[in-house]
Amino acid sequence: MQKYTRHTSVAALMNRSNVDTDQIIAKQFLKKVERTGFGQHLFHDWRFNEDGTPRDDFELNNPNFADARILVTGDNFGCGSSREHAPWAIEDYGFDTIISTSFADIFYNNCFKNGILPIVVNAPTLKSLMAEITENEGVAFTVDLENQRLTTPGGLEITFELDGFRKHNLLNGLDDIGLTLQHTDKIDSFEAGHKQKFPWLWAS
C-alpha cells in the first residue's frame, strides 16, 4: 500500500447523497480478487452510455476534474453492500481522499485498508467546499495528513478528526499484511519453537 503524504490535488465534485457500493462498482464487474483493474468500471452506469461512450452529463467526465485525487461528495457515501471492491475501484481510478458528511461504516473502515483517507466534515463546511469547486472547476485543495488539515485557495482551513492508529497506518503505507510483516522475526521465532515441540505437525 502506498504511503499517504501531504499533497495538493484537483478536487472533483460529485454532489450526490446515498451513493451505494453497487453504483461505485457494479456487481457484474466483481469477477476477480486482485485489487487492480477496477478503476475503469468506477461508477460505470453513471459514467457511460449503453454503447460505452462517456456520458456528458456525468460529473467525473468533466475534463476540469481530470487527474483529481480528491472526491467531494454528498452524505452517506459508500452505503449498501460491504464489498471491498468499492474502495479498490476508487483507489485504482486515482482517488486517495474522499470528503463527505458521513460514510457507511464498513466502507469507511475499508478505505483505510486500501490507502484512502475519508474525511468527515459538517454540513456547512461541505457546502462551502462544494461552492468553491462549483465557482472554480479544477481548483486544487491541499491535504496535510500529518497535521490533519485541509486547506483551499478560497481560504478555507479545516481540521479533521482521525483515529491515531489509522493515521499511522496511512502515513506509513501499512495495510493488515504490512502490519503483520512488521513482526516477521517474532513469527519466525514462534514457528521454529513450534516445529521443535510438535515436529509431526510440520511433516511434509
Protein backbone atom coordinates (compact mmCIF):
# COMPACT_ATOMS: atom_id res chain seq x y z
CA MET A 1 0.00 0.00 0.00
CA GLN A 2 1.32 3.46 -0.91
CA LYS A 3 2.16 5.89 1.87
CA TYR A 4 -0.26 8.77 2.17
CA THR A 5 1.68 12.02 2.06
CA ARG A 6 0.81 15.71 2.08
CA HIS A 7 -0.36 16.65 -1.38
CA THR A 8 -2.22 19.23 -3.44
CA SER A 9 -4.69 17.93 -6.00
CA VAL A 10 -7.65 18.89 -8.11
CA ALA A 11 -10.87 18.27 -6.17
CA ALA A 12 -13.70 16.67 -8.15
CA LEU A 13 -17.29 17.36 -7.16
CA MET A 14 -19.97 14.68 -7.21
CA ASN A 15 -22.91 16.28 -5.44
CA ARG A 16 -24.91 13.11 -4.78
CA SER A 17 -26.04 11.62 -1.49
CA ASN A 18 -26.52 7.94 -0.60
CA VAL A 19 -24.09 6.71 -3.24
CA ASP A 20 -24.10 2.95 -2.72
CA THR A 21 -21.41 0.39 -3.43
CA ASP A 22 -23.33 -1.08 -6.37
CA GLN A 23 -23.04 2.26 -8.12
CA ILE A 24 -19.40 2.58 -7.13
CA ILE A 25 -18.60 -0.82 -8.64
CA ALA A 26 -21.49 -2.79 -10.14
CA LYS A 27 -21.87 -6.49 -9.38
CA GLN A 28 -21.10 -7.64 -12.94
CA PHE A 29 -17.51 -6.48 -12.52
CA LEU A 30 -16.78 -8.43 -9.33
CA LYS A 31 -15.06 -11.27 -11.16
CA LYS A 32 -11.56 -11.31 -9.67
CA VAL A 33 -9.82 -10.98 -6.33
CA GLU A 34 -6.89 -8.79 -7.42
CA ARG A 35 -7.18 -5.17 -6.33
CA THR A 36 -6.23 -3.73 -9.71
CA GLY A 37 -8.26 -3.09 -12.84
CA PHE A 38 -11.49 -1.93 -11.21
CA GLY A 39 -10.97 1.79 -11.78
CA GLN A 40 -12.14 1.55 -15.38
CA HIS A 41 -15.53 0.39 -14.07
CA LEU A 42 -15.94 3.00 -11.31
CA PHE A 43 -19.48 4.48 -11.45
CA HIS A 44 -19.93 2.55 -14.70
CA ASP A 45 -23.69 3.01 -15.08
CA TRP A 46 -23.36 6.75 -14.48
CA ARG A 47 -20.18 7.31 -16.50
CA PHE A 48 -21.08 5.53 -19.72
CA ASN A 49 -23.87 5.30 -22.26
CA GLU A 50 -25.14 1.89 -23.35
CA ASP A 51 -22.70 1.94 -26.29
CA GLY A 52 -19.77 2.51 -23.91
CA THR A 53 -19.20 6.17 -24.74
CA PRO A 54 -18.77 8.63 -21.85
CA ARG A 55 -21.89 10.47 -20.72
CA ASP A 56 -21.54 14.23 -20.99
CA ASP A 57 -23.85 14.80 -18.04
CA PHE A 58 -21.83 12.79 -15.51
CA GLU A 59 -19.75 14.87 -13.14
CA LEU A 60 -16.49 12.93 -13.28
CA ASN A 61 -16.43 13.09 -17.08
CA ASN A 62 -15.88 16.83 -16.72
CA PRO A 63 -12.39 17.48 -18.18
CA ASN A 64 -11.76 20.01 -15.40
CA PHE A 65 -11.75 17.08 -12.96
CA ALA A 66 -9.17 15.05 -14.86
CA ASP A 67 -6.45 13.58 -12.62
CA ALA A 68 -8.33 14.57 -9.46
CA ARG A 69 -7.22 12.67 -6.36
CA ILE A 70 -9.80 14.26 -4.07
CA LEU A 71 -13.52 13.47 -4.35
CA VAL A 72 -16.03 15.78 -2.65
CA THR A 73 -19.42 14.14 -2.41
CA GLY A 74 -22.76 14.08 -0.57
CA ASP A 75 -23.93 12.46 2.64
CA ASN A 76 -23.83 8.72 3.43
CA PHE A 77 -21.24 7.76 0.84
CA GLY A 78 -20.49 4.05 0.40
CA CYS A 79 -23.77 2.68 1.72
CA GLY A 80 -25.16 -0.67 0.55
CA SER A 81 -23.31 -3.98 0.46
CA SER A 82 -19.94 -4.41 2.14
CA ARG A 83 -17.91 -5.23 -1.00
CA GLU A 84 -14.27 -4.24 -0.61
CA HIS A 85 -14.13 -3.88 -4.39
CA ALA A 86 -15.66 -0.41 -3.89
CA PRO A 87 -12.54 1.18 -2.35
CA TRP A 88 -10.42 -0.90 -4.73
CA ALA A 89 -12.18 0.77 -7.67
CA ILE A 90 -11.88 4.24 -6.14
CA GLU A 91 -8.16 3.82 -5.42
CA ASP A 92 -7.47 2.27 -8.84
CA TYR A 93 -9.25 5.17 -10.55
CA GLY A 94 -6.89 7.58 -8.80
CA PHE A 95 -8.71 8.97 -5.76
CA ASP A 96 -6.96 8.79 -2.39
CA THR A 97 -9.20 11.21 -0.48
CA ILE A 98 -12.98 11.39 -0.12
CA ILE A 99 -14.74 14.24 1.68
CA SER A 100 -18.32 13.84 2.91
CA THR A 101 -20.51 14.50 5.93
CA SER A 102 -20.80 10.76 6.61
CA PHE A 103 -19.77 7.34 5.34
CA ALA A 104 -21.23 3.88 5.71
CA ASP A 105 -19.28 2.14 8.50
CA ILE A 106 -17.93 -0.84 6.55
CA PHE A 107 -16.93 1.29 3.57
CA TYR A 108 -15.25 3.79 5.92
CA ASN A 109 -13.17 1.04 7.54
CA ASN A 110 -12.27 -0.49 4.17
CA CYS A 111 -10.94 2.85 2.93
CA PHE A 112 -8.11 2.84 5.47
CA LYS A 113 -7.15 -0.69 4.49
CA ASN A 114 -6.67 0.49 0.91
CA GLY A 115 -4.78 3.74 1.33
CA ILE A 116 -7.80 6.06 1.07
CA LEU A 117 -8.40 8.88 3.53
CA PRO A 118 -12.12 9.50 4.21
CA ILE A 119 -12.55 12.96 5.74
CA VAL A 120 -15.74 13.74 7.65
CA VAL A 121 -16.85 17.38 7.73
CA ASN A 122 -20.02 19.07 8.91
CA ALA A 123 -22.77 20.16 6.51
CA PRO A 124 -21.85 23.89 6.33
CA THR A 125 -18.22 23.02 5.61
CA LEU A 126 -19.18 20.58 2.87
CA LYS A 127 -21.45 23.22 1.34
CA SER A 128 -18.56 25.69 1.31
CA LEU A 129 -16.20 23.18 -0.31
CA MET A 130 -18.77 22.33 -2.97
CA ALA A 131 -19.39 26.01 -3.66
CA GLU A 132 -15.68 26.67 -4.14
CA ILE A 133 -15.40 23.83 -6.66
CA THR A 134 -18.54 24.95 -8.50
CA GLU A 135 -17.24 28.51 -8.78
CA ASN A 136 -13.79 27.41 -9.93
CA GLU A 137 -13.86 23.95 -11.52
CA GLY A 138 -10.38 22.48 -11.46
CA VAL A 139 -9.48 24.11 -8.15
CA ALA A 140 -6.88 22.22 -6.11
CA PHE A 141 -7.13 21.52 -2.39
CA THR A 142 -4.22 20.63 -0.11
CA VAL A 143 -4.48 17.72 2.32
CA ASP A 144 -1.95 17.55 5.16
CA LEU A 145 -2.50 14.23 6.89
CA GLU A 146 0.27 14.72 9.45
CA ASN A 147 -1.41 17.84 10.80
CA GLN A 148 -4.92 16.67 9.91
CA ARG A 149 -5.65 19.81 7.93
CA LEU A 150 -7.37 20.59 4.63
CA THR A 151 -6.81 23.99 3.00
CA THR A 152 -8.25 25.58 -0.14
CA PRO A 153 -7.28 28.56 -2.32
CA GLY A 154 -10.54 30.22 -1.24
CA GLY A 155 -9.23 30.50 2.31
CA LEU A 156 -10.91 27.53 3.97
CA GLU A 157 -8.79 25.79 6.59
CA ILE A 158 -10.39 22.67 8.01
CA THR A 159 -9.07 20.46 10.78
CA PHE A 160 -10.43 16.92 10.67
CA GLU A 161 -10.59 14.17 13.29
CA LEU A 162 -8.82 10.87 12.73
CA ASP A 163 -8.02 7.81 14.82
CA GLY A 164 -4.31 7.74 15.65
CA PHE A 165 -3.79 4.10 14.65
CA ARG A 166 -5.39 4.63 11.24
CA LYS A 167 -3.39 7.80 10.71
CA HIS A 168 -0.16 5.94 11.49
CA ASN A 169 -1.02 3.20 9.02
CA LEU A 170 -1.84 5.64 6.20
CA LEU A 171 1.31 7.68 6.76
CA ASN A 172 3.43 4.52 6.66
CA GLY A 173 1.55 2.69 3.92
CA LEU A 174 0.55 -0.21 6.15
CA ASP A 175 -2.40 -2.46 5.44
CA ASP A 176 -3.17 -5.58 7.51
CA ILE A 177 -0.48 -7.58 5.71
CA GLY A 178 2.05 -4.81 6.16
CA LEU A 179 1.30 -4.64 9.88
CA THR A 180 1.80 -8.39 10.17
CA LEU A 181 5.12 -8.31 8.30
CA GLN A 182 6.48 -5.88 10.89
CA HIS A 183 6.57 -8.85 13.26
CA THR A 184 8.29 -11.32 10.91
CA ASP A 185 11.08 -12.03 13.41
CA LYS A 186 8.60 -12.97 16.13
CA ILE A 187 6.61 -15.12 13.73
CA ASP A 188 9.77 -16.93 12.59
CA SER A 189 10.83 -17.48 16.21
CA PHE A 190 7.43 -18.89 17.13
CA GLU A 191 7.41 -21.25 14.14
CA ALA A 192 10.90 -22.51 14.93
CA GLY A 193 9.89 -23.33 18.51
CA HIS A 194 6.63 -24.87 17.34
CA LYS A 195 8.50 -27.13 14.91
CA GLN A 196 10.75 -28.40 17.70
CA LYS A 197 7.87 -29.01 20.08
CA PHE A 198 5.42 -30.52 17.58
CA PRO A 199 7.54 -31.83 14.66
CA TRP A 200 4.78 -34.17 13.43
CA LEU A 201 2.61 -31.16 12.62
CA TRP A 202 5.26 -29.89 10.22
CA ALA A 203 5.89 -33.16 8.40
CA SER A 204 5.68 -32.71 4.64
